[in-house]
Amino acid sequence: MVRIKADEVDRDNSVDKVEQILQGAMQEFLQHGYAGTSMDRVAVAAGVSKATVYSHFQDKEGLFKVLLEQLASKKNSSIFGTEPIEGEPAAILHQVITKALEQMLNDKEHSAFMRVLIGESGRFPELAQICVQALIKPVAETLTHYLAAPELNIPDPEATARILIGALVHFHITQNVMHGEDIIPMESDRLIDALTHLINKCAD
């Protein structure tokens, strides 16, 4: 019979508790915003004691940061994968842009979370900076590295990466976050094809 060590059980329980707390925190942040959420509320939503919450997270800002970093890690992995990007540039570029936009448009929780973050950024600019550091910067760096491939012949890969991200974020915000899909409708395929075309023209 295999014996499970006590420290392994404690470690597993700790991981489960952290996930439980993060899920409870997400629920509270989406419902009440950052300012309206307290560690007490998170504890109740997570079904754990307040002491348990504080044993894993020092304060609300730290909890929010971990939640955002976890979200960013999942998003980046789903878009770029865990291995270096390889393949024919035009096809890979189209694939990456498509995945990124699909993630933005189809993940309702992500859209709701971004509404909270944007809404709270005026009072809590450090939260917005965490988003830039954890979510936007890694995407920009990965795209910049890929766009620097000699065969793409792009004069300024970093600026081009910002243009791509800006176009996708703008589309997401106007169509989903601000509910503008009926006011300025556009199929996502049109945006994806246009962006891919613009980048590929540099390589012609």
N, C-alpha and C. Protein backbone atom coordinates (compact mmCIF):
# COMPACT_ATOMS: atom_id res chain seq x y z
N MET A 1 0.85 -1.20 0.00
CA MET A 1 0.00 0.00 0.00
C MET A 1 0.89 1.25 0.00
N VAL A 2 0.54 2.21 -0.84
CA VAL A 2 1.31 3.44 -0.92
C VAL A 2 0.89 4.38 0.20
N ARG A 3 1.87 4.84 0.94
CA ARG A 3 1.59 5.78 2.03
C ARG A 3 1.78 7.21 1.53
N ILE A 4 0.84 8.06 1.82
CA ILE A 4 0.92 9.47 1.44
C ILE A 4 1.46 10.24 2.63
N LYS A 5 2.54 10.97 2.39
CA LYS A 5 3.16 11.72 3.47
C LYS A 5 2.26 12.89 3.91
N ALA A 6 2.36 13.20 5.19
CA ALA A 6 1.53 14.27 5.75
C ALA A 6 1.81 15.61 5.09
N ASP A 7 3.10 15.86 4.78
CA ASP A 7 3.43 17.15 4.17
C ASP A 7 2.89 17.26 2.75
N GLU A 8 2.75 16.10 2.06
CA GLU A 8 2.17 16.10 0.73
C GLU A 8 0.68 16.42 0.79
N VAL A 9 0.01 15.87 1.78
CA VAL A 9 -1.41 16.16 1.98
C VAL A 9 -1.60 17.63 2.30
N ASP A 10 -0.74 18.16 3.19
CA ASP A 10 -0.83 19.58 3.55
C ASP A 10 -0.61 20.47 2.34
N ARG A 11 0.36 20.07 1.50
CA ARG A 11 0.67 20.86 0.31
C ARG A 11 -0.51 20.84 -0.67
N ASP A 12 -1.10 19.66 -0.86
CA ASP A 12 -2.26 19.54 -1.75
C ASP A 12 -3.43 20.36 -1.22
N ASN A 13 -3.65 20.26 0.08
CA ASN A 13 -4.75 21.03 0.69
C ASN A 13 -4.51 22.53 0.55
N SER A 14 -3.25 22.92 0.69
CA SER A 14 -2.91 24.34 0.57
C SER A 14 -3.19 24.84 -0.84
N VAL A 15 -2.82 24.06 -1.86
CA VAL A 15 -3.08 24.43 -3.25
C VAL A 15 -4.58 24.54 -3.49
N ASP A 16 -5.34 23.58 -2.96
CA ASP A 16 -6.80 23.62 -3.11
C ASP A 16 -7.38 24.86 -2.45
N LYS A 17 -6.87 25.20 -1.29
CA LYS A 17 -7.37 26.38 -0.57
C LYS A 17 -7.10 27.66 -1.34
N VAL A 18 -5.89 27.74 -1.90
CA VAL A 18 -5.53 28.93 -2.68
C VAL A 18 -6.47 29.08 -3.87
N GLU A 19 -6.73 27.99 -4.57
CA GLU A 19 -7.63 28.03 -5.72
C GLU A 19 -9.04 28.41 -5.29
N GLN A 20 -9.45 27.89 -4.16
CA GLN A 20 -10.76 28.21 -3.59
C GLN A 20 -10.87 29.71 -3.29
N ILE A 21 -9.82 30.23 -2.69
CA ILE A 21 -9.79 31.66 -2.35
C ILE A 21 -9.80 32.52 -3.61
N LEU A 22 -9.01 32.13 -4.61
CA LEU A 22 -8.95 32.90 -5.85
C LEU A 22 -10.30 32.91 -6.57
N GLN A 23 -10.99 31.79 -6.55
CA GLN A 23 -12.32 31.72 -7.17
C GLN A 23 -13.31 32.62 -6.43
N GLY A 24 -13.23 32.57 -5.10
CA GLY A 24 -14.09 33.44 -4.30
C GLY A 24 -13.78 34.91 -4.54
N ALA A 25 -12.49 35.22 -4.66
CA ALA A 25 -12.06 36.60 -4.89
C ALA A 25 -12.55 37.10 -6.24
N MET A 26 -12.42 36.28 -7.27
CA MET A 26 -12.90 36.66 -8.61
C MET A 26 -14.38 36.98 -8.56
N GLN A 27 -15.14 36.14 -7.90
CA GLN A 27 -16.58 36.36 -7.77
C GLN A 27 -16.89 37.70 -7.11
N GLU A 28 -16.16 38.02 -6.06
CA GLU A 28 -16.39 39.27 -5.32
C GLU A 28 -15.93 40.50 -6.11
N PHE A 29 -14.77 40.41 -6.73
CA PHE A 29 -14.27 41.55 -7.52
C PHE A 29 -15.21 41.87 -8.67
N LEU A 30 -15.74 40.84 -9.32
CA LEU A 30 -16.65 41.07 -10.44
C LEU A 30 -17.97 41.66 -9.97
N GLN A 31 -18.42 41.26 -8.81
CA GLN A 31 -19.71 41.71 -8.31
C GLN A 31 -19.65 43.08 -7.63
N HIS A 32 -18.58 43.32 -6.88
CA HIS A 32 -18.52 44.52 -6.06
C HIS A 32 -17.39 45.49 -6.44
N GLY A 33 -16.56 45.12 -7.42
CA GLY A 33 -15.42 45.97 -7.76
C GLY A 33 -14.30 45.82 -6.74
N TYR A 34 -13.19 46.48 -7.02
CA TYR A 34 -12.05 46.36 -6.11
C TYR A 34 -12.33 47.06 -4.78
N ALA A 35 -12.82 48.28 -4.85
CA ALA A 35 -13.06 49.05 -3.62
C ALA A 35 -14.12 48.39 -2.75
N GLY A 36 -15.13 47.78 -3.36
CA GLY A 36 -16.22 47.18 -2.60
C GLY A 36 -15.95 45.79 -2.09
N THR A 37 -14.81 45.24 -2.41
CA THR A 37 -14.46 43.89 -1.97
C THR A 37 -13.56 43.96 -0.74
N SER A 38 -13.84 43.14 0.22
CA SER A 38 -13.02 43.04 1.43
C SER A 38 -12.54 41.61 1.60
N MET A 39 -11.53 41.44 2.41
CA MET A 39 -11.03 40.10 2.69
C MET A 39 -12.10 39.26 3.40
N ASP A 40 -12.95 39.92 4.18
CA ASP A 40 -14.07 39.22 4.82
C ASP A 40 -15.02 38.65 3.78
N ARG A 41 -15.34 39.47 2.79
CA ARG A 41 -16.23 39.01 1.71
C ARG A 41 -15.62 37.85 0.94
N VAL A 42 -14.32 37.95 0.68
CA VAL A 42 -13.62 36.88 -0.04
C VAL A 42 -13.68 35.59 0.75
N ALA A 43 -13.46 35.67 2.05
CA ALA A 43 -13.49 34.48 2.91
C ALA A 43 -14.86 33.80 2.85
N VAL A 44 -15.92 34.60 2.92
CA VAL A 44 -17.28 34.05 2.87
C VAL A 44 -17.53 33.41 1.50
N ALA A 45 -17.17 34.11 0.43
CA ALA A 45 -17.39 33.59 -0.92
C ALA A 45 -16.60 32.31 -1.17
N ALA A 46 -15.41 32.24 -0.58
CA ALA A 46 -14.54 31.07 -0.78
C ALA A 46 -14.90 29.91 0.16
N GLY A 47 -15.71 30.20 1.18
CA GLY A 47 -16.08 29.16 2.13
C GLY A 47 -14.95 28.77 3.06
N VAL A 48 -14.09 29.76 3.38
CA VAL A 48 -12.98 29.50 4.29
C VAL A 48 -12.98 30.60 5.36
N SER A 49 -12.14 30.43 6.36
CA SER A 49 -12.05 31.45 7.41
C SER A 49 -11.21 32.62 6.93
N LYS A 50 -11.42 33.77 7.59
CA LYS A 50 -10.61 34.95 7.27
C LYS A 50 -9.14 34.68 7.55
N ALA A 51 -8.87 33.92 8.60
CA ALA A 51 -7.49 33.57 8.94
C ALA A 51 -6.83 32.77 7.82
N THR A 52 -7.61 31.90 7.17
CA THR A 52 -7.08 31.10 6.07
C THR A 52 -6.72 31.99 4.89
N VAL A 53 -7.56 32.98 4.62
CA VAL A 53 -7.27 33.92 3.53
C VAL A 53 -5.97 34.65 3.81
N TYR A 54 -5.82 35.15 5.03
CA TYR A 54 -4.61 35.91 5.38
C TYR A 54 -3.37 35.03 5.49
N SER A 55 -3.57 33.74 5.70
CA SER A 55 -2.42 32.84 5.76
C SER A 55 -1.79 32.65 4.38
N HIS A 56 -2.57 32.92 3.33
CA HIS A 56 -2.08 32.77 1.96
C HIS A 56 -1.83 34.10 1.27
N PHE A 57 -2.57 35.14 1.66
CA PHE A 57 -2.44 36.44 1.01
C PHE A 57 -2.36 37.53 2.07
N GLN A 58 -1.36 38.38 1.95
CA GLN A 58 -1.10 39.41 2.96
C GLN A 58 -2.20 40.46 3.02
N ASP A 59 -2.70 40.85 1.83
CA ASP A 59 -3.72 41.88 1.78
C ASP A 59 -4.50 41.76 0.47
N LYS A 60 -5.47 42.64 0.30
CA LYS A 60 -6.35 42.60 -0.87
C LYS A 60 -5.58 42.87 -2.16
N GLU A 61 -4.64 43.80 -2.12
CA GLU A 61 -3.85 44.11 -3.31
C GLU A 61 -3.03 42.89 -3.75
N GLY A 62 -2.44 42.21 -2.77
CA GLY A 62 -1.67 41.01 -3.09
C GLY A 62 -2.54 39.92 -3.69
N LEU A 63 -3.75 39.79 -3.17
CA LEU A 63 -4.69 38.80 -3.69
C LEU A 63 -5.09 39.16 -5.13
N PHE A 64 -5.37 40.42 -5.36
CA PHE A 64 -5.74 40.88 -6.70
C PHE A 64 -4.60 40.65 -7.69
N LYS A 65 -3.39 40.92 -7.23
CA LYS A 65 -2.21 40.74 -8.09
C LYS A 65 -2.04 39.28 -8.50
N VAL A 66 -2.16 38.37 -7.54
CA VAL A 66 -2.03 36.95 -7.85
C VAL A 66 -3.13 36.50 -8.81
N LEU A 67 -4.34 37.00 -8.58
CA LEU A 67 -5.47 36.65 -9.44
C LEU A 67 -5.21 37.11 -10.87
N LEU A 68 -4.71 38.33 -11.02
CA LEU A 68 -4.42 38.87 -12.34
C LEU A 68 -3.27 38.13 -12.99
N GLU A 69 -2.23 37.81 -12.23
CA GLU A 69 -1.09 37.08 -12.78
C GLU A 69 -1.49 35.69 -13.24
N GLN A 70 -2.37 35.05 -12.48
CA GLN A 70 -2.86 33.72 -12.87
C GLN A 70 -3.66 33.81 -14.17
N LEU A 71 -4.52 34.81 -14.25
CA LEU A 71 -5.32 35.03 -15.46
C LEU A 71 -4.41 35.30 -16.65
N ALA A 72 -3.40 36.13 -16.45
CA ALA A 72 -2.47 36.47 -17.52
C ALA A 72 -1.69 35.25 -18.00
N SER A 73 -1.25 34.43 -17.05
CA SER A 73 -0.49 33.22 -17.40
C SER A 73 -1.33 32.27 -18.25
N LYS A 74 -2.57 32.09 -17.87
CA LYS A 74 -3.47 31.21 -18.63
C LYS A 74 -3.71 31.76 -20.03
N LYS A 75 -3.92 33.08 -20.12
CA LYS A 75 -4.18 33.70 -21.41
C LYS A 75 -2.97 33.58 -22.33
N ASN A 76 -1.80 33.89 -21.80
CA ASN A 76 -0.58 33.85 -22.62
C ASN A 76 -0.29 32.44 -23.11
N SER A 77 -0.49 31.44 -22.23
CA SER A 77 -0.24 30.05 -22.62
C SER A 77 -1.22 29.59 -23.68
N SER A 78 -2.48 30.02 -23.56
CA SER A 78 -3.49 29.59 -24.52
C SER A 78 -3.28 30.23 -25.89
N ILE A 79 -2.70 31.43 -25.90
CA ILE A 79 -2.46 32.12 -27.18
C ILE A 79 -1.17 31.65 -27.84
N PHE A 80 -0.08 31.63 -27.08
CA PHE A 80 1.23 31.34 -27.66
C PHE A 80 1.70 29.91 -27.42
N GLY A 81 1.02 29.18 -26.52
CA GLY A 81 1.49 27.84 -26.18
C GLY A 81 2.68 27.92 -25.23
N THR A 82 3.28 26.79 -24.96
CA THR A 82 4.41 26.75 -24.03
C THR A 82 5.75 26.55 -24.74
N GLU A 83 5.71 26.38 -26.05
CA GLU A 83 6.93 26.19 -26.83
C GLU A 83 7.17 27.40 -27.74
N PRO A 84 8.41 27.63 -28.17
CA PRO A 84 8.68 28.75 -29.07
C PRO A 84 7.84 28.68 -30.34
N ILE A 85 7.43 29.83 -30.86
CA ILE A 85 6.62 29.87 -32.07
C ILE A 85 7.48 29.52 -33.27
N GLU A 86 7.03 28.54 -34.04
CA GLU A 86 7.76 28.14 -35.24
C GLU A 86 6.77 27.91 -36.38
N GLY A 87 7.23 28.13 -37.61
CA GLY A 87 6.38 27.89 -38.76
C GLY A 87 6.46 29.03 -39.75
N GLU A 88 5.70 28.91 -40.84
CA GLU A 88 5.68 29.93 -41.88
C GLU A 88 5.06 31.20 -41.30
N PRO A 89 5.76 32.32 -41.38
CA PRO A 89 5.35 33.54 -40.69
C PRO A 89 3.91 33.97 -40.93
N ALA A 90 3.45 33.96 -42.17
CA ALA A 90 2.10 34.43 -42.46
C ALA A 90 1.05 33.57 -41.77
N ALA A 91 1.25 32.25 -41.81
CA ALA A 91 0.28 31.33 -41.20
C ALA A 91 0.29 31.45 -39.68
N ILE A 92 1.49 31.54 -39.10
CA ILE A 92 1.61 31.63 -37.65
C ILE A 92 1.03 32.95 -37.15
N LEU A 93 1.29 34.02 -37.87
CA LEU A 93 0.77 35.33 -37.48
C LEU A 93 -0.76 35.32 -37.46
N HIS A 94 -1.34 34.76 -38.50
CA HIS A 94 -2.81 34.66 -38.59
C HIS A 94 -3.35 33.83 -37.42
N GLN A 95 -2.65 32.75 -37.11
CA GLN A 95 -3.06 31.86 -36.02
C GLN A 95 -3.01 32.57 -34.67
N VAL A 96 -1.93 33.30 -34.41
CA VAL A 96 -1.77 33.99 -33.13
C VAL A 96 -2.81 35.09 -32.95
N ILE A 97 -3.02 35.88 -34.01
CA ILE A 97 -4.01 36.95 -33.94
C ILE A 97 -5.40 36.38 -33.71
N THR A 98 -5.72 35.29 -34.41
CA THR A 98 -7.03 34.66 -34.26
C THR A 98 -7.25 34.16 -32.84
N LYS A 99 -6.25 33.47 -32.29
CA LYS A 99 -6.36 32.95 -30.94
C LYS A 99 -6.53 34.07 -29.92
N ALA A 100 -5.74 35.13 -30.08
CA ALA A 100 -5.80 36.25 -29.14
C ALA A 100 -7.18 36.89 -29.15
N LEU A 101 -7.71 37.12 -30.33
CA LEU A 101 -9.01 37.78 -30.42
C LEU A 101 -10.13 36.87 -29.92
N GLU A 102 -10.03 35.59 -30.23
CA GLU A 102 -11.04 34.63 -29.73
C GLU A 102 -11.05 34.60 -28.21
N GLN A 103 -9.87 34.64 -27.61
CA GLN A 103 -9.77 34.65 -26.16
C GLN A 103 -10.48 35.88 -25.59
N MET A 104 -10.25 37.02 -26.21
CA MET A 104 -10.86 38.25 -25.73
C MET A 104 -12.38 38.23 -25.87
N LEU A 105 -12.85 37.77 -27.02
CA LEU A 105 -14.27 37.87 -27.32
C LEU A 105 -15.12 36.80 -26.64
N ASN A 106 -14.55 35.62 -26.44
CA ASN A 106 -15.35 34.49 -25.96
C ASN A 106 -15.31 34.29 -24.45
N ASP A 107 -14.33 34.87 -23.79
CA ASP A 107 -14.21 34.69 -22.34
C ASP A 107 -14.96 35.82 -21.63
N LYS A 108 -16.20 35.53 -21.24
CA LYS A 108 -17.05 36.55 -20.61
C LYS A 108 -16.48 37.00 -19.27
N GLU A 109 -15.87 36.08 -18.53
CA GLU A 109 -15.29 36.45 -17.25
C GLU A 109 -14.15 37.43 -17.44
N HIS A 110 -13.35 37.20 -18.47
CA HIS A 110 -12.23 38.10 -18.76
C HIS A 110 -12.76 39.49 -19.11
N SER A 111 -13.81 39.55 -19.92
CA SER A 111 -14.39 40.85 -20.29
C SER A 111 -14.90 41.58 -19.05
N ALA A 112 -15.59 40.85 -18.18
CA ALA A 112 -16.12 41.46 -16.95
C ALA A 112 -14.99 41.94 -16.05
N PHE A 113 -13.92 41.16 -15.98
CA PHE A 113 -12.78 41.52 -15.14
C PHE A 113 -12.11 42.78 -15.67
N MET A 114 -12.01 42.89 -17.00
CA MET A 114 -11.39 44.08 -17.59
C MET A 114 -12.24 45.32 -17.34
N ARG A 115 -13.57 45.16 -17.32
CA ARG A 115 -14.44 46.29 -16.99
C ARG A 115 -14.13 46.80 -15.58
N VAL A 116 -13.99 45.85 -14.65
CA VAL A 116 -13.67 46.22 -13.27
C VAL A 116 -12.33 46.93 -13.21
N LEU A 117 -11.34 46.37 -13.89
CA LEU A 117 -9.99 46.92 -13.84
C LEU A 117 -9.93 48.33 -14.42
N ILE A 118 -10.57 48.52 -15.58
CA ILE A 118 -10.57 49.84 -16.21
C ILE A 118 -11.33 50.84 -15.34
N GLY A 119 -12.46 50.40 -14.78
CA GLY A 119 -13.26 51.27 -13.94
C GLY A 119 -12.55 51.71 -12.67
N GLU A 120 -11.70 50.84 -12.13
CA GLU A 120 -11.01 51.14 -10.88
C GLU A 120 -9.64 51.79 -11.09
N SER A 121 -9.18 51.86 -12.33
CA SER A 121 -7.81 52.31 -12.59
C SER A 121 -7.56 53.76 -12.19
N GLY A 122 -8.61 54.59 -12.21
CA GLY A 122 -8.43 55.98 -11.81
C GLY A 122 -8.09 56.12 -10.33
N ARG A 123 -8.79 55.36 -9.49
CA ARG A 123 -8.55 55.42 -8.05
C ARG A 123 -7.38 54.54 -7.62
N PHE A 124 -7.13 53.48 -8.39
CA PHE A 124 -6.08 52.52 -8.01
C PHE A 124 -5.16 52.28 -9.22
N PRO A 125 -4.35 53.28 -9.59
CA PRO A 125 -3.50 53.14 -10.78
C PRO A 125 -2.52 51.97 -10.67
N GLU A 126 -2.15 51.60 -9.44
CA GLU A 126 -1.22 50.47 -9.28
C GLU A 126 -1.82 49.17 -9.78
N LEU A 127 -3.14 49.05 -9.73
CA LEU A 127 -3.79 47.84 -10.23
C LEU A 127 -3.66 47.76 -11.75
N ALA A 128 -3.86 48.90 -12.42
CA ALA A 128 -3.70 48.94 -13.87
C ALA A 128 -2.26 48.62 -14.26
N GLN A 129 -1.31 49.08 -13.46
CA GLN A 129 0.10 48.80 -13.75
C GLN A 129 0.41 47.31 -13.61
N ILE A 130 -0.25 46.65 -12.66
CA ILE A 130 -0.08 45.21 -12.52
C ILE A 130 -0.56 44.51 -13.78
N CYS A 131 -1.68 44.98 -14.34
CA CYS A 131 -2.22 44.41 -15.57
C CYS A 131 -1.23 44.57 -16.72
N VAL A 132 -0.67 45.78 -16.84
CA VAL A 132 0.30 46.04 -17.91
C VAL A 132 1.53 45.13 -17.75
N GLN A 133 1.98 44.99 -16.50
CA GLN A 133 3.18 44.18 -16.23
C GLN A 133 2.94 42.70 -16.47
N ALA A 134 1.79 42.20 -16.01
CA ALA A 134 1.54 40.75 -16.05
C ALA A 134 0.92 40.27 -17.35
N LEU A 135 0.10 41.11 -17.97
CA LEU A 135 -0.65 40.65 -19.14
C LEU A 135 -0.16 41.26 -20.45
N ILE A 136 -0.04 42.58 -20.49
CA ILE A 136 0.26 43.24 -21.76
C ILE A 136 1.74 43.16 -22.13
N LYS A 137 2.62 43.37 -21.16
CA LYS A 137 4.06 43.36 -21.45
C LYS A 137 4.55 42.03 -22.02
N PRO A 138 4.20 40.87 -21.40
CA PRO A 138 4.67 39.59 -21.97
C PRO A 138 4.17 39.35 -23.40
N VAL A 139 2.93 39.75 -23.68
CA VAL A 139 2.39 39.58 -25.03
C VAL A 139 3.16 40.47 -26.00
N ALA A 140 3.41 41.71 -25.60
CA ALA A 140 4.15 42.63 -26.46
C ALA A 140 5.56 42.12 -26.74
N GLU A 141 6.21 41.58 -25.71
CA GLU A 141 7.59 41.08 -25.88
C GLU A 141 7.62 39.85 -26.79
N THR A 142 6.65 38.96 -26.62
CA THR A 142 6.61 37.75 -27.45
C THR A 142 6.35 38.11 -28.91
N LEU A 143 5.40 38.99 -29.13
CA LEU A 143 5.10 39.42 -30.51
C LEU A 143 6.28 40.16 -31.13
N THR A 144 6.92 41.01 -30.34
CA THR A 144 8.09 41.75 -30.84
C THR A 144 9.19 40.80 -31.30
N HIS A 145 9.44 39.78 -30.49
CA HIS A 145 10.47 38.79 -30.83
C HIS A 145 10.12 38.08 -32.14
N TYR A 146 8.86 37.70 -32.30
CA TYR A 146 8.46 37.00 -33.51
C TYR A 146 8.51 37.93 -34.72
N LEU A 147 8.02 39.15 -34.56
CA LEU A 147 7.97 40.08 -35.69
C LEU A 147 9.36 40.55 -36.12
N ALA A 148 10.36 40.28 -35.28
CA ALA A 148 11.74 40.65 -35.63
C ALA A 148 12.39 39.65 -36.59
N ALA A 149 11.65 38.60 -36.96
CA ALA A 149 12.19 37.61 -37.90
C ALA A 149 12.59 38.30 -39.21
N PRO A 150 13.81 38.04 -39.71
CA PRO A 150 14.30 38.74 -40.92
C PRO A 150 13.37 38.61 -42.12
N GLU A 151 12.71 37.44 -42.27
CA GLU A 151 11.86 37.24 -43.45
C GLU A 151 10.62 38.12 -43.45
N LEU A 152 10.25 38.65 -42.28
CA LEU A 152 9.09 39.55 -42.23
C LEU A 152 9.45 40.97 -42.66
N ASN A 153 10.73 41.32 -42.55
CA ASN A 153 11.21 42.61 -43.04
C ASN A 153 10.46 43.80 -42.43
N ILE A 154 10.23 43.73 -41.12
CA ILE A 154 9.50 44.80 -40.43
C ILE A 154 10.50 45.78 -39.82
N PRO A 155 10.46 47.05 -40.20
CA PRO A 155 11.46 48.03 -39.72
C PRO A 155 11.47 48.22 -38.21
N ASP A 156 10.29 48.21 -37.59
CA ASP A 156 10.20 48.45 -36.15
C ASP A 156 9.27 47.40 -35.53
N PRO A 157 9.80 46.22 -35.19
CA PRO A 157 8.97 45.14 -34.65
C PRO A 157 8.24 45.50 -33.36
N GLU A 158 8.90 46.29 -32.49
CA GLU A 158 8.27 46.63 -31.22
C GLU A 158 7.05 47.52 -31.43
N ALA A 159 7.18 48.53 -32.26
CA ALA A 159 6.06 49.42 -32.54
C ALA A 159 4.94 48.66 -33.26
N THR A 160 5.32 47.76 -34.16
CA THR A 160 4.34 46.97 -34.89
C THR A 160 3.56 46.06 -33.94
N ALA A 161 4.26 45.49 -32.96
CA ALA A 161 3.59 44.65 -31.96
C ALA A 161 2.56 45.47 -31.18
N ARG A 162 2.93 46.71 -30.85
CA ARG A 162 2.00 47.59 -30.13
C ARG A 162 0.77 47.90 -31.00
N ILE A 163 0.99 48.09 -32.29
CA ILE A 163 -0.12 48.37 -33.21
C ILE A 163 -1.08 47.18 -33.25
N LEU A 164 -0.53 45.98 -33.34
CA LEU A 164 -1.36 44.77 -33.37
C LEU A 164 -2.18 44.64 -32.09
N ILE A 165 -1.52 44.78 -30.96
CA ILE A 165 -2.20 44.66 -29.67
C ILE A 165 -3.27 45.75 -29.54
N GLY A 166 -2.91 46.97 -29.95
CA GLY A 166 -3.86 48.08 -29.87
C GLY A 166 -5.11 47.82 -30.69
N ALA A 167 -4.94 47.28 -31.88
CA ALA A 167 -6.09 46.99 -32.75
C ALA A 167 -7.00 45.93 -32.11
N LEU A 168 -6.39 44.89 -31.54
CA LEU A 168 -7.17 43.81 -30.94
C LEU A 168 -7.89 44.29 -29.68
N VAL A 169 -7.18 45.03 -28.85
CA VAL A 169 -7.78 45.54 -27.60
C VAL A 169 -8.90 46.52 -27.91
N HIS A 170 -8.68 47.40 -28.89
CA HIS A 170 -9.72 48.35 -29.29
C HIS A 170 -10.98 47.61 -29.75
N PHE A 171 -10.79 46.60 -30.56
CA PHE A 171 -11.93 45.81 -31.06
C PHE A 171 -12.68 45.17 -29.89
N HIS A 172 -11.92 44.58 -28.97
CA HIS A 172 -12.52 43.93 -27.81
C HIS A 172 -13.29 44.92 -26.95
N ILE A 173 -12.70 46.08 -26.69
CA ILE A 173 -13.33 47.06 -25.82
C ILE A 173 -14.60 47.64 -26.46
N THR A 174 -14.51 48.02 -27.74
CA THR A 174 -15.68 48.63 -28.37
C THR A 174 -16.79 47.62 -28.62
N GLN A 175 -16.44 46.39 -28.96
CA GLN A 175 -17.46 45.40 -29.28
C GLN A 175 -18.05 44.73 -28.03
N ASN A 176 -17.19 44.40 -27.05
CA ASN A 176 -17.63 43.61 -25.91
C ASN A 176 -17.73 44.40 -24.61
N VAL A 177 -16.61 45.00 -24.22
CA VAL A 177 -16.58 45.66 -22.92
C VAL A 177 -17.57 46.81 -22.86
N MET A 178 -17.68 47.57 -23.95
CA MET A 178 -18.58 48.72 -23.99
C MET A 178 -19.87 48.44 -24.76
N HIS A 179 -20.10 47.16 -25.10
CA HIS A 179 -21.36 46.72 -25.73
C HIS A 179 -21.66 47.48 -27.01
N GLY A 180 -20.66 47.70 -27.85
CA GLY A 180 -20.86 48.47 -29.07
C GLY A 180 -21.04 47.66 -30.33
N GLU A 181 -21.24 46.33 -30.19
CA GLU A 181 -21.30 45.47 -31.37
C GLU A 181 -22.45 45.81 -32.31
N ASP A 182 -23.55 46.38 -31.77
CA ASP A 182 -24.69 46.76 -32.62
C ASP A 182 -24.54 48.17 -33.19
N ILE A 183 -23.64 48.95 -32.62
CA ILE A 183 -23.46 50.33 -33.06
C ILE A 183 -22.42 50.42 -34.17
N ILE A 184 -21.27 49.74 -33.97
CA ILE A 184 -20.23 49.70 -35.01
C ILE A 184 -19.86 48.24 -35.26
N PRO A 185 -20.79 47.48 -35.84
CA PRO A 185 -20.55 46.04 -36.03
C PRO A 185 -19.44 45.75 -37.03
N MET A 186 -18.72 44.69 -36.76
CA MET A 186 -17.71 44.19 -37.70
C MET A 186 -17.39 42.75 -37.34
N GLU A 187 -17.28 41.90 -38.34
CA GLU A 187 -16.90 40.52 -38.10
C GLU A 187 -15.42 40.46 -37.73
N SER A 188 -15.10 39.64 -36.75
CA SER A 188 -13.71 39.53 -36.30
C SER A 188 -12.78 39.05 -37.41
N ASP A 189 -13.31 38.22 -38.34
CA ASP A 189 -12.47 37.72 -39.44
C ASP A 189 -11.95 38.86 -40.31
N ARG A 190 -12.74 39.90 -40.46
CA ARG A 190 -12.30 41.04 -41.28
C ARG A 190 -11.10 41.72 -40.63
N LEU A 191 -11.15 41.89 -39.33
CA LEU A 191 -10.03 42.53 -38.62
C LEU A 191 -8.78 41.66 -38.70
N ILE A 192 -8.95 40.37 -38.48
CA ILE A 192 -7.83 39.44 -38.51
C ILE A 192 -7.17 39.44 -39.89
N ASP A 193 -7.98 39.36 -40.94
CA ASP A 193 -7.44 39.33 -42.31
C ASP A 193 -6.74 40.65 -42.65
N ALA A 194 -7.30 41.76 -42.20
CA ALA A 194 -6.70 43.07 -42.49
C ALA A 194 -5.35 43.21 -41.80
N LEU A 195 -5.28 42.81 -40.54
CA LEU A 195 -4.02 42.90 -39.80
C LEU A 195 -2.95 42.00 -40.42
N THR A 196 -3.35 40.78 -40.76
CA THR A 196 -2.40 39.85 -41.37
C THR A 196 -1.90 40.41 -42.70
N HIS A 197 -2.81 40.98 -43.47
CA HIS A 197 -2.44 41.54 -44.78
C HIS A 197 -1.43 42.68 -44.61
N LEU A 198 -1.69 43.57 -43.64
CA LEU A 198 -0.79 44.70 -43.43
C LEU A 198 0.62 44.24 -43.06
N ILE A 199 0.71 43.24 -42.18
CA ILE A 199 2.03 42.75 -41.77
C ILE A 199 2.74 42.06 -42.93
N ASN A 200 2.00 41.26 -43.66
CA ASN A 200 2.61 40.50 -44.76
C ASN A 200 3.07 41.39 -45.89
N LYS A 201 2.49 42.58 -46.04
CA LYS A 201 2.90 43.50 -47.10
C LYS A 201 4.34 43.95 -46.88
N CYS A 202 4.76 43.95 -45.59
CA CYS A 202 6.15 44.34 -45.30
C CYS A 202 7.14 43.33 -45.87
N ALA A 203 6.69 42.07 -45.94
CA ALA A 203 7.60 41.01 -46.39
C ALA A 203 7.62 40.88 -47.90
N ASP A 204 6.71 41.57 -48.60
CA ASP A 204 6.66 41.46 -50.07
C ASP A 204 7.86 42.13 -50.72
